[in-house]
Amino acid sequence: MQSGGFAPPNHKSNYVESFLVLQLKKQNRSMKIELQEKDKFIDELKRNVRLSKVREADTEIMAYMDECMRLRSMLEQAIIQNEALSSQ
């Protein structure tokens, strides 16, 4: 034993440590790739939410425009009927 109570590292323990380091590096790379994929997925979801909100707003605007046209038509008909009744 060396001073301090530690046994000198042997060849087998170096091999195991090297193997563990390689495994951890491989796992780290794998997790980085997974994180990038999840970040990309989250960005796509955010874009889809924004797009959905825009489409919903467009649909609502079209509904308001249709309602305005319907009410205008009803108003014009009422004016014409009122003019016809007044001219009699």
Protein backbone atom coordinates (compact mmCIF):
# COMPACT_ATOMS: atom_id res chain seq x y z
CA MET A 1 0.00 0.00 0.00
CA GLN A 2 1.04 3.55 -0.69
CA SER A 3 1.06 6.21 1.95
CA GLY A 4 -2.42 7.45 2.78
CA GLY A 5 -3.88 3.94 2.87
CA PHE A 6 -4.70 3.71 -0.86
CA ALA A 7 -3.80 0.68 -2.92
CA PRO A 8 -1.98 1.41 -6.18
CA PRO A 9 -4.29 1.23 -9.18
CA ASN A 10 -3.93 -1.96 -11.12
CA HIS A 11 -4.45 -2.67 -14.79
CA LYS A 12 -7.91 -4.18 -14.26
CA SER A 13 -9.27 -1.15 -12.38
CA ASN A 14 -7.90 1.17 -15.10
CA TYR A 15 -9.71 -0.89 -17.70
CA VAL A 16 -12.98 -0.73 -15.74
CA GLU A 17 -12.63 3.03 -15.22
CA SER A 18 -11.89 3.56 -18.91
CA PHE A 19 -14.88 1.46 -19.84
CA LEU A 20 -17.11 3.44 -17.47
CA VAL A 21 -15.83 6.75 -18.86
CA LEU A 22 -16.56 5.59 -22.41
CA GLN A 23 -20.04 4.44 -21.42
CA LEU A 24 -20.75 7.78 -19.71
CA LYS A 25 -19.53 9.70 -22.77
CA LYS A 26 -21.74 7.59 -25.01
CA GLN A 27 -24.71 8.14 -22.70
CA ASN A 28 -23.96 11.88 -22.63
CA ARG A 29 -23.95 12.08 -26.46
CA SER A 30 -27.18 10.12 -26.59
CA MET A 31 -28.85 12.42 -24.07
CA LYS A 32 -27.66 15.54 -25.94
CA ILE A 33 -29.24 14.22 -29.14
CA GLU A 34 -32.45 13.41 -27.28
CA LEU A 35 -32.50 16.91 -25.79
CA GLN A 36 -32.04 18.49 -29.23
CA GLU A 37 -34.90 16.40 -30.61
CA LYS A 38 -37.18 17.39 -27.74
CA ASP A 39 -36.26 21.07 -28.14
CA LYS A 40 -37.09 20.82 -31.84
CA PHE A 41 -40.43 19.17 -31.01
CA ILE A 42 -41.25 21.92 -28.50
CA ASP A 43 -40.45 24.59 -31.11
CA GLU A 44 -42.76 22.87 -33.59
CA LEU A 45 -45.55 22.77 -31.00
CA LYS A 46 -45.09 26.48 -30.28
CA ARG A 47 -45.26 27.24 -34.00
CA ASN A 48 -48.40 25.12 -34.36
CA VAL A 49 -50.04 26.93 -31.44
CA ARG A 50 -49.26 30.31 -33.03
CA LEU A 51 -50.54 29.09 -36.39
CA SER A 52 -53.72 27.76 -34.77
CA LYS A 53 -54.32 31.12 -33.08
CA VAL A 54 -53.87 32.93 -36.40
CA ARG A 55 -56.27 30.56 -38.15
CA GLU A 56 -58.79 30.95 -35.35
CA ALA A 57 -58.55 34.75 -35.61
CA ASP A 58 -58.99 34.58 -39.40
CA THR A 59 -62.07 32.39 -39.00
CA GLU A 60 -63.51 34.79 -36.44
CA ILE A 61 -62.89 37.78 -38.73
CA MET A 62 -64.64 36.00 -41.59
CA ALA A 63 -67.62 35.25 -39.34
CA TYR A 64 -67.83 38.95 -38.33
CA MET A 65 -67.62 40.02 -41.97
CA ASP A 66 -70.41 37.60 -42.93
CA GLU A 67 -72.55 38.89 -40.06
CA CYS A 68 -71.91 42.50 -41.08
CA MET A 69 -72.95 41.74 -44.65
CA ARG A 70 -76.10 39.96 -43.42
CA LEU A 71 -77.04 42.88 -41.17
CA ARG A 72 -76.33 45.40 -43.94
CA SER A 73 -78.57 43.47 -46.29
CA MET A 74 -81.34 43.39 -43.68
CA LEU A 75 -80.94 47.15 -43.09
CA GLU A 76 -81.11 47.91 -46.81
CA GLN A 77 -84.27 45.79 -47.11
CA ALA A 78 -85.82 47.59 -44.16
CA ILE A 79 -84.98 50.99 -45.72
CA ILE A 80 -86.49 49.96 -49.05
CA GLN A 81 -89.66 48.67 -47.32
CA ASN A 82 -89.88 51.85 -45.23
CA GLU A 83 -89.55 54.00 -48.38
CA ALA A 84 -92.22 51.91 -50.15
CA LEU A 85 -94.60 52.28 -47.22
CA SER A 86 -93.98 56.02 -47.00
CA SER A 87 -94.62 56.58 -50.69
CA GLN A 88 -98.05 54.96 -50.54
